[in-house]
Amino acid sequence: MLKKSTKMEKNILKKQDQGQAVSGSDQNVERRVKKYVELSEEALNAIKGGKYVEGSLHVDKESGKILFNAWKRKSSRQSDDRVICQLENGWMKESASRIKFFNSVKKEIGLRMIDLAMHRNLKTGMQALAKDRILAGESLNNNECATKQ
């Protein structure tokens, strides 16, 4: 917020405009300049509403006006995935466009046991997916990645 200029500051600015010398202690006074900034209606309403508006200020080369470009940030909301089944060492979920499979096994059990555990979890997850599709009334075509048993 700008404060009102004191009488001393006004005198200093007047001396500077007239080209007169100003003493060293007087030179510490800042010169205030009014500039007009062009804002979009959305940014102005957000500022009036007490919100912070992030963006960038720049001078338009053609018109010479100072423009404020408000950044259009979207809130990052992760869509809720539906859990198809909870596995021994992970899960299988369904989102709007993907089937997600996660499995985590300790290295300590050895490569052969890791292989068996991961394949067992994948098989269990695929069976649960197939059951889920059948209960939903969808057919299991050869194009889909689901195993029948």
N, C-alpha and C. Protein backbone atom coordinates (compact mmCIF):
# COMPACT_ATOMS: atom_id res chain seq x y z
N MET A 1 0.85 -1.16 0.00
CA MET A 1 0.00 0.00 0.00
C MET A 1 0.90 1.23 0.00
N LEU A 2 0.56 2.22 -0.84
CA LEU A 2 1.35 3.42 -0.90
C LEU A 2 0.99 4.35 0.24
N LYS A 3 2.02 4.96 0.85
CA LYS A 3 1.73 5.93 1.91
C LYS A 3 1.72 7.32 1.31
N LYS A 4 1.12 8.25 2.00
CA LYS A 4 1.06 9.61 1.51
C LYS A 4 2.44 10.24 1.56
N SER A 5 2.73 11.04 0.56
CA SER A 5 4.03 11.72 0.52
C SER A 5 4.05 12.82 1.56
N THR A 6 5.19 12.94 2.23
CA THR A 6 5.35 14.01 3.20
C THR A 6 5.74 15.28 2.47
N LYS A 7 5.71 16.38 3.19
CA LYS A 7 6.04 17.67 2.60
C LYS A 7 7.50 17.68 2.14
N MET A 8 8.40 17.02 2.93
CA MET A 8 9.82 16.98 2.57
C MET A 8 10.01 16.19 1.26
N GLU A 9 9.31 15.07 1.13
CA GLU A 9 9.43 14.28 -0.09
C GLU A 9 8.94 15.06 -1.31
N LYS A 10 7.87 15.81 -1.15
CA LYS A 10 7.35 16.61 -2.25
C LYS A 10 8.36 17.68 -2.67
N ASN A 11 9.01 18.29 -1.68
CA ASN A 11 10.02 19.31 -1.99
C ASN A 11 11.20 18.71 -2.73
N ILE A 12 11.60 17.50 -2.33
CA ILE A 12 12.73 16.84 -2.98
C ILE A 12 12.38 16.52 -4.43
N LEU A 13 11.19 16.01 -4.65
CA LEU A 13 10.77 15.69 -6.01
C LEU A 13 10.67 16.94 -6.86
N LYS A 14 10.23 18.02 -6.26
CA LYS A 14 10.12 19.29 -6.97
C LYS A 14 11.51 19.78 -7.38
N LYS A 15 12.50 19.65 -6.47
CA LYS A 15 13.88 20.05 -6.78
C LYS A 15 14.45 19.19 -7.90
N GLN A 16 14.17 17.89 -7.87
CA GLN A 16 14.68 17.00 -8.91
C GLN A 16 14.09 17.35 -10.26
N ASP A 17 12.80 17.68 -10.29
CA ASP A 17 12.15 18.04 -11.55
C ASP A 17 12.71 19.34 -12.11
N GLN A 18 13.10 20.25 -11.23
CA GLN A 18 13.64 21.54 -11.68
C GLN A 18 15.13 21.45 -12.00
N GLY A 19 15.75 20.30 -11.74
CA GLY A 19 17.16 20.13 -12.04
C GLY A 19 18.08 20.66 -10.97
N GLN A 20 17.58 20.96 -9.80
CA GLN A 20 18.41 21.47 -8.72
C GLN A 20 19.10 20.31 -8.01
N ALA A 21 20.21 20.62 -7.35
CA ALA A 21 20.97 19.62 -6.61
C ALA A 21 20.19 19.21 -5.36
N VAL A 22 20.29 17.95 -5.04
CA VAL A 22 19.61 17.41 -3.87
C VAL A 22 20.68 16.83 -2.96
N SER A 23 20.57 17.09 -1.66
CA SER A 23 21.59 16.61 -0.73
C SER A 23 21.56 15.08 -0.63
N GLY A 24 22.63 14.47 -0.09
CA GLY A 24 22.76 13.01 0.00
C GLY A 24 21.66 12.35 0.78
N SER A 25 21.25 12.96 1.89
CA SER A 25 20.20 12.34 2.69
C SER A 25 18.85 12.42 2.00
N ASP A 26 18.68 13.40 1.13
CA ASP A 26 17.42 13.54 0.41
C ASP A 26 17.29 12.54 -0.74
N GLN A 27 18.38 11.96 -1.21
CA GLN A 27 18.33 11.09 -2.37
C GLN A 27 17.77 9.69 -2.04
N ASN A 28 17.66 9.36 -0.76
CA ASN A 28 17.14 8.06 -0.36
C ASN A 28 15.64 7.92 -0.56
N VAL A 29 14.97 9.02 -0.84
CA VAL A 29 13.52 9.02 -1.02
C VAL A 29 13.19 8.43 -2.40
N GLU A 30 12.28 7.48 -2.43
CA GLU A 30 11.89 6.86 -3.69
C GLU A 30 10.92 7.75 -4.44
N ARG A 31 11.01 7.69 -5.73
CA ARG A 31 10.07 8.44 -6.55
C ARG A 31 8.94 7.49 -6.94
N ARG A 32 7.73 7.93 -6.70
CA ARG A 32 6.57 7.09 -6.99
C ARG A 32 6.00 7.46 -8.36
N VAL A 33 5.66 6.42 -9.12
CA VAL A 33 5.10 6.62 -10.44
C VAL A 33 3.82 5.80 -10.53
N LYS A 34 2.79 6.39 -11.06
CA LYS A 34 1.54 5.66 -11.25
C LYS A 34 1.56 5.01 -12.62
N LYS A 35 1.25 3.71 -12.65
CA LYS A 35 1.14 2.98 -13.90
C LYS A 35 -0.20 2.27 -13.88
N TYR A 36 -0.80 2.16 -15.02
CA TYR A 36 -2.07 1.45 -15.15
C TYR A 36 -1.81 0.07 -15.74
N VAL A 37 -2.41 -0.92 -15.12
CA VAL A 37 -2.24 -2.31 -15.54
C VAL A 37 -3.57 -2.82 -16.05
N GLU A 38 -3.55 -3.44 -17.23
CA GLU A 38 -4.76 -3.99 -17.80
C GLU A 38 -4.97 -5.40 -17.26
N LEU A 39 -6.14 -5.65 -16.66
CA LEU A 39 -6.48 -6.95 -16.08
C LEU A 39 -7.70 -7.52 -16.76
N SER A 40 -7.79 -8.83 -16.77
CA SER A 40 -9.01 -9.47 -17.26
C SER A 40 -10.09 -9.32 -16.18
N GLU A 41 -11.31 -9.50 -16.59
CA GLU A 41 -12.44 -9.38 -15.66
C GLU A 41 -12.36 -10.46 -14.57
N GLU A 42 -11.93 -11.68 -14.97
CA GLU A 42 -11.82 -12.78 -14.00
C GLU A 42 -10.78 -12.48 -12.94
N ALA A 43 -9.62 -11.96 -13.36
CA ALA A 43 -8.55 -11.65 -12.41
C ALA A 43 -8.98 -10.53 -11.46
N LEU A 44 -9.65 -9.52 -11.99
CA LEU A 44 -10.12 -8.41 -11.15
C LEU A 44 -11.14 -8.89 -10.13
N ASN A 45 -12.07 -9.75 -10.55
CA ASN A 45 -13.07 -10.27 -9.61
C ASN A 45 -12.43 -11.13 -8.53
N ALA A 46 -11.41 -11.91 -8.91
CA ALA A 46 -10.71 -12.73 -7.92
C ALA A 46 -9.98 -11.86 -6.91
N ILE A 47 -9.35 -10.78 -7.37
CA ILE A 47 -8.64 -9.87 -6.47
C ILE A 47 -9.63 -9.16 -5.55
N LYS A 48 -10.75 -8.73 -6.09
CA LYS A 48 -11.78 -8.08 -5.27
C LYS A 48 -12.33 -9.05 -4.23
N GLY A 49 -12.36 -10.32 -4.58
CA GLY A 49 -12.86 -11.34 -3.66
C GLY A 49 -11.85 -11.72 -2.59
N GLY A 50 -10.68 -11.11 -2.61
CA GLY A 50 -9.68 -11.37 -1.58
C GLY A 50 -8.75 -12.53 -1.90
N LYS A 51 -8.76 -13.01 -3.13
CA LYS A 51 -7.90 -14.13 -3.51
C LYS A 51 -6.59 -13.62 -4.11
N TYR A 52 -5.57 -14.44 -4.01
CA TYR A 52 -4.30 -14.14 -4.67
C TYR A 52 -4.40 -14.63 -6.11
N VAL A 53 -3.90 -13.83 -7.03
CA VAL A 53 -3.92 -14.19 -8.44
C VAL A 53 -2.48 -14.25 -8.92
N GLU A 54 -2.05 -15.44 -9.34
CA GLU A 54 -0.69 -15.59 -9.85
C GLU A 54 -0.70 -15.35 -11.34
N GLY A 55 0.38 -14.75 -11.84
CA GLY A 55 0.45 -14.48 -13.26
C GLY A 55 1.73 -13.75 -13.60
N SER A 56 1.75 -13.16 -14.78
CA SER A 56 2.94 -12.44 -15.23
C SER A 56 2.55 -11.07 -15.77
N LEU A 57 3.41 -10.09 -15.50
CA LEU A 57 3.24 -8.74 -16.03
C LEU A 57 4.19 -8.56 -17.20
N HIS A 58 3.70 -7.95 -18.27
CA HIS A 58 4.58 -7.63 -19.38
C HIS A 58 4.05 -6.42 -20.12
N VAL A 59 4.93 -5.80 -20.88
CA VAL A 59 4.55 -4.63 -21.66
C VAL A 59 4.23 -5.09 -23.07
N ASP A 60 3.08 -4.70 -23.57
CA ASP A 60 2.68 -5.03 -24.93
C ASP A 60 3.47 -4.16 -25.88
N LYS A 61 4.16 -4.77 -26.83
CA LYS A 61 5.03 -4.02 -27.74
C LYS A 61 4.25 -3.10 -28.66
N GLU A 62 3.07 -3.52 -29.08
CA GLU A 62 2.28 -2.72 -30.01
C GLU A 62 1.64 -1.51 -29.34
N SER A 63 0.97 -1.75 -28.22
CA SER A 63 0.22 -0.66 -27.58
C SER A 63 1.02 0.06 -26.50
N GLY A 64 2.05 -0.59 -25.95
CA GLY A 64 2.84 0.01 -24.88
C GLY A 64 2.17 -0.10 -23.52
N LYS A 65 1.06 -0.81 -23.44
CA LYS A 65 0.34 -0.97 -22.17
C LYS A 65 0.96 -2.11 -21.37
N ILE A 66 0.82 -2.00 -20.05
CA ILE A 66 1.25 -3.08 -19.17
C ILE A 66 0.08 -4.04 -19.01
N LEU A 67 0.32 -5.29 -19.33
CA LEU A 67 -0.74 -6.30 -19.28
C LEU A 67 -0.42 -7.33 -18.20
N PHE A 68 -1.46 -7.80 -17.55
CA PHE A 68 -1.31 -8.86 -16.56
C PHE A 68 -1.94 -10.11 -17.13
N ASN A 69 -1.14 -11.16 -17.26
CA ASN A 69 -1.62 -12.44 -17.78
C ASN A 69 -1.78 -13.39 -16.60
N ALA A 70 -3.01 -13.63 -16.18
CA ALA A 70 -3.27 -14.52 -15.05
C ALA A 70 -3.10 -15.96 -15.50
N TRP A 71 -2.39 -16.72 -14.70
CA TRP A 71 -2.18 -18.13 -15.02
C TRP A 71 -3.45 -18.89 -14.70
N LYS A 72 -3.87 -19.72 -15.61
CA LYS A 72 -5.08 -20.52 -15.41
C LYS A 72 -4.66 -21.87 -14.85
N ARG A 73 -4.61 -21.94 -13.55
CA ARG A 73 -4.19 -23.17 -12.89
C ARG A 73 -5.40 -24.01 -12.57
N LYS A 74 -5.29 -25.27 -12.89
CA LYS A 74 -6.37 -26.20 -12.56
C LYS A 74 -5.96 -26.95 -11.31
N SER A 75 -6.92 -27.18 -10.46
CA SER A 75 -6.63 -27.96 -9.26
C SER A 75 -6.40 -29.40 -9.68
N SER A 76 -5.32 -29.95 -9.18
CA SER A 76 -5.01 -31.33 -9.55
C SER A 76 -5.83 -32.28 -8.68
N ARG A 77 -6.80 -32.88 -9.28
CA ARG A 77 -7.63 -33.84 -8.57
C ARG A 77 -7.47 -35.17 -9.26
N GLN A 78 -6.99 -36.13 -8.52
CA GLN A 78 -6.81 -37.46 -9.07
C GLN A 78 -8.14 -38.19 -9.01
N SER A 79 -8.50 -38.80 -10.13
CA SER A 79 -9.78 -39.49 -10.15
C SER A 79 -9.73 -40.72 -9.25
N ASP A 80 -10.86 -41.04 -8.70
CA ASP A 80 -10.94 -42.19 -7.80
C ASP A 80 -10.97 -43.47 -8.61
N ASP A 81 -10.03 -44.36 -8.31
CA ASP A 81 -9.99 -45.66 -8.96
C ASP A 81 -10.79 -46.66 -8.14
N ARG A 82 -11.49 -47.53 -8.83
CA ARG A 82 -12.28 -48.55 -8.15
C ARG A 82 -11.41 -49.78 -7.95
N VAL A 83 -11.30 -50.25 -6.72
CA VAL A 83 -10.50 -51.43 -6.42
C VAL A 83 -11.26 -52.67 -6.86
N ILE A 84 -10.64 -53.42 -7.76
CA ILE A 84 -11.25 -54.67 -8.23
C ILE A 84 -10.98 -55.76 -7.21
N CYS A 85 -9.71 -55.87 -6.78
CA CYS A 85 -9.40 -56.84 -5.74
C CYS A 85 -8.12 -56.43 -5.03
N GLN A 86 -8.08 -56.75 -3.77
CA GLN A 86 -6.89 -56.54 -2.94
C GLN A 86 -6.11 -57.85 -2.95
N LEU A 87 -4.86 -57.81 -3.39
CA LEU A 87 -4.06 -59.02 -3.53
C LEU A 87 -3.17 -59.23 -2.32
N GLU A 88 -2.47 -60.35 -2.32
CA GLU A 88 -1.58 -60.69 -1.21
C GLU A 88 -0.47 -59.65 -1.05
N ASN A 89 0.09 -59.21 -2.17
CA ASN A 89 1.19 -58.24 -2.14
C ASN A 89 0.91 -57.01 -3.00
N GLY A 90 -0.33 -56.63 -3.17
CA GLY A 90 -0.63 -55.48 -4.02
C GLY A 90 -2.12 -55.32 -4.23
N TRP A 91 -2.50 -54.77 -5.41
CA TRP A 91 -3.89 -54.53 -5.73
C TRP A 91 -4.11 -54.50 -7.23
N MET A 92 -5.37 -54.56 -7.63
CA MET A 92 -5.78 -54.35 -9.01
C MET A 92 -6.92 -53.35 -8.97
N LYS A 93 -6.78 -52.27 -9.76
CA LYS A 93 -7.78 -51.19 -9.77
C LYS A 93 -8.21 -50.91 -11.19
N GLU A 94 -9.38 -50.27 -11.29
CA GLU A 94 -9.91 -49.87 -12.58
C GLU A 94 -10.18 -48.37 -12.55
N SER A 95 -9.61 -47.66 -13.53
CA SER A 95 -9.91 -46.24 -13.69
C SER A 95 -10.79 -46.08 -14.92
N ALA A 96 -11.03 -44.87 -15.34
CA ALA A 96 -11.90 -44.64 -16.48
C ALA A 96 -11.31 -45.22 -17.76
N SER A 97 -9.99 -45.23 -17.89
CA SER A 97 -9.39 -45.69 -19.14
C SER A 97 -8.38 -46.82 -18.98
N ARG A 98 -8.07 -47.26 -17.76
CA ARG A 98 -7.03 -48.26 -17.56
C ARG A 98 -7.38 -49.27 -16.48
N ILE A 99 -6.75 -50.43 -16.62
CA ILE A 99 -6.74 -51.43 -15.55
C ILE A 99 -5.34 -51.36 -14.95
N LYS A 100 -5.25 -51.14 -13.64
CA LYS A 100 -3.96 -50.97 -12.99
C LYS A 100 -3.68 -52.15 -12.07
N PHE A 101 -2.46 -52.65 -12.18
CA PHE A 101 -2.02 -53.79 -11.37
C PHE A 101 -0.75 -53.39 -10.65
N PHE A 102 -0.72 -53.59 -9.33
CA PHE A 102 0.47 -53.28 -8.55
C PHE A 102 0.81 -54.49 -7.70
N ASN A 103 2.11 -54.81 -7.66
CA ASN A 103 2.57 -55.94 -6.89
C ASN A 103 3.96 -55.61 -6.35
N SER A 104 4.19 -55.86 -5.08
CA SER A 104 5.47 -55.57 -4.46
C SER A 104 5.89 -56.75 -3.60
N VAL A 105 7.09 -57.30 -3.91
CA VAL A 105 7.59 -58.48 -3.21
C VAL A 105 9.01 -58.20 -2.75
N LYS A 106 9.38 -58.71 -1.58
CA LYS A 106 10.73 -58.51 -1.06
C LYS A 106 11.74 -59.30 -1.89
N LYS A 107 12.92 -58.73 -2.08
CA LYS A 107 13.97 -59.40 -2.83
C LYS A 107 14.54 -60.60 -2.09
N GLU A 108 14.42 -60.56 -0.79
CA GLU A 108 15.06 -61.57 0.06
C GLU A 108 14.57 -62.99 -0.19
N ILE A 109 13.38 -63.14 -0.75
CA ILE A 109 12.82 -64.50 -0.90
C ILE A 109 13.40 -65.25 -2.09
N GLY A 110 14.17 -64.58 -2.92
CA GLY A 110 14.80 -65.25 -4.05
C GLY A 110 14.03 -65.07 -5.34
N LEU A 111 14.74 -65.20 -6.44
CA LEU A 111 14.17 -64.93 -7.76
C LEU A 111 13.02 -65.88 -8.11
N ARG A 112 13.17 -67.15 -7.82
CA ARG A 112 12.13 -68.13 -8.15
C ARG A 112 10.84 -67.87 -7.36
N MET A 113 10.97 -67.56 -6.08
CA MET A 113 9.79 -67.28 -5.25
C MET A 113 9.13 -65.96 -5.65
N ILE A 114 9.95 -64.98 -6.07
CA ILE A 114 9.40 -63.71 -6.55
C ILE A 114 8.56 -63.97 -7.80
N ASP A 115 9.10 -64.77 -8.72
CA ASP A 115 8.41 -65.12 -9.95
C ASP A 115 7.07 -65.80 -9.65
N LEU A 116 7.09 -66.76 -8.75
CA LEU A 116 5.86 -67.49 -8.40
C LEU A 116 4.83 -66.57 -7.72
N ALA A 117 5.29 -65.74 -6.79
CA ALA A 117 4.38 -64.85 -6.07
C ALA A 117 3.74 -63.83 -7.01
N MET A 118 4.53 -63.26 -7.92
CA MET A 118 3.98 -62.27 -8.85
C MET A 118 2.99 -62.91 -9.82
N HIS A 119 3.33 -64.08 -10.34
CA HIS A 119 2.41 -64.76 -11.26
C HIS A 119 1.12 -65.18 -10.54
N ARG A 120 1.24 -65.62 -9.30
CA ARG A 120 0.07 -66.01 -8.52
C ARG A 120 -0.84 -64.80 -8.31
N ASN A 121 -0.25 -63.65 -7.95
CA ASN A 121 -1.04 -62.43 -7.74
C ASN A 121 -1.68 -61.96 -9.05
N LEU A 122 -0.93 -62.04 -10.15
CA LEU A 122 -1.50 -61.63 -11.44
C LEU A 122 -2.66 -62.54 -11.83
N LYS A 123 -2.51 -63.83 -11.63
CA LYS A 123 -3.57 -64.77 -11.96
C LYS A 123 -4.81 -64.52 -11.10
N THR A 124 -4.59 -64.29 -9.81
CA THR A 124 -5.71 -63.99 -8.90
C THR A 124 -6.42 -62.70 -9.32
N GLY A 125 -5.64 -61.69 -9.68
CA GLY A 125 -6.22 -60.42 -10.11
C GLY A 125 -7.00 -60.56 -11.40
N MET A 126 -6.47 -61.33 -12.36
CA MET A 126 -7.18 -61.52 -13.62
C MET A 126 -8.47 -62.32 -13.43
N GLN A 127 -8.46 -63.27 -12.50
CA GLN A 127 -9.69 -64.01 -12.20
C GLN A 127 -10.74 -63.08 -11.59
N ALA A 128 -10.31 -62.21 -10.71
CA ALA A 128 -11.23 -61.26 -10.09
C ALA A 128 -11.77 -60.29 -11.14
N LEU A 129 -10.93 -59.89 -12.09
CA LEU A 129 -11.37 -58.99 -13.16
C LEU A 129 -12.40 -59.69 -14.04
N ALA A 130 -12.15 -60.95 -14.36
CA ALA A 130 -13.10 -61.71 -15.18
C ALA A 130 -14.45 -61.85 -14.47
N LYS A 131 -14.42 -62.16 -13.17
CA LYS A 131 -15.67 -62.26 -12.40
C LYS A 131 -16.41 -60.93 -12.37
N ASP A 132 -15.63 -59.85 -12.22
CA ASP A 132 -16.22 -58.52 -12.18
C ASP A 132 -16.92 -58.19 -13.50
N ARG A 133 -16.28 -58.55 -14.61
CA ARG A 133 -16.87 -58.30 -15.93
C ARG A 133 -18.12 -59.15 -16.15
N ILE A 134 -18.07 -60.38 -15.71
CA ILE A 134 -19.24 -61.26 -15.87
C ILE A 134 -20.41 -60.73 -15.04
N LEU A 135 -20.15 -60.30 -13.80
CA LEU A 135 -21.21 -59.75 -12.95
C LEU A 135 -21.76 -58.44 -13.51
N ALA A 136 -20.92 -57.70 -14.24
CA ALA A 136 -21.38 -56.45 -14.84
C ALA A 136 -22.18 -56.70 -16.11
N GLY A 137 -22.17 -57.97 -16.58
CA GLY A 137 -22.96 -58.31 -17.76
C GLY A 137 -22.19 -58.12 -19.05
N GLU A 138 -20.90 -57.96 -19.00
CA GLU A 138 -20.09 -57.80 -20.21
C GLU A 138 -19.60 -59.17 -20.66
N SER A 139 -19.41 -59.32 -21.95
CA SER A 139 -18.90 -60.58 -22.47
C SER A 139 -17.38 -60.55 -22.47
N LEU A 140 -16.78 -61.71 -22.36
CA LEU A 140 -15.33 -61.82 -22.37
C LEU A 140 -14.89 -62.22 -23.78
N ASN A 141 -14.55 -61.27 -24.61
CA ASN A 141 -14.11 -61.53 -25.98
C ASN A 141 -12.65 -61.93 -25.99
N ASN A 142 -12.19 -62.42 -27.13
CA ASN A 142 -10.79 -62.74 -27.28
C ASN A 142 -9.93 -61.47 -27.30
N ASN A 143 -10.55 -60.33 -27.58
CA ASN A 143 -9.81 -59.07 -27.62
C ASN A 143 -9.46 -58.56 -26.23
N GLU A 144 -10.19 -58.99 -25.22
CA GLU A 144 -9.95 -58.51 -23.87
C GLU A 144 -8.90 -59.37 -23.19
N CYS A 145 -8.20 -58.78 -22.25
CA CYS A 145 -7.15 -59.47 -21.51
C CYS A 145 -7.70 -60.03 -20.22
N ALA A 146 -8.53 -61.03 -20.30
CA ALA A 146 -9.06 -61.67 -19.11
C ALA A 146 -9.02 -63.18 -19.32
N THR A 147 -8.68 -63.89 -18.30
CA THR A 147 -8.60 -65.35 -18.42
C THR A 147 -9.87 -65.96 -17.87
N LYS A 148 -10.35 -67.02 -18.52
CA LYS A 148 -11.54 -67.73 -18.07
C LYS A 148 -11.09 -68.98 -17.30
N GLN A 149 -11.80 -69.29 -16.28
CA GLN A 149 -11.55 -70.54 -15.55
C GLN A 149 -12.81 -71.09 -15.00
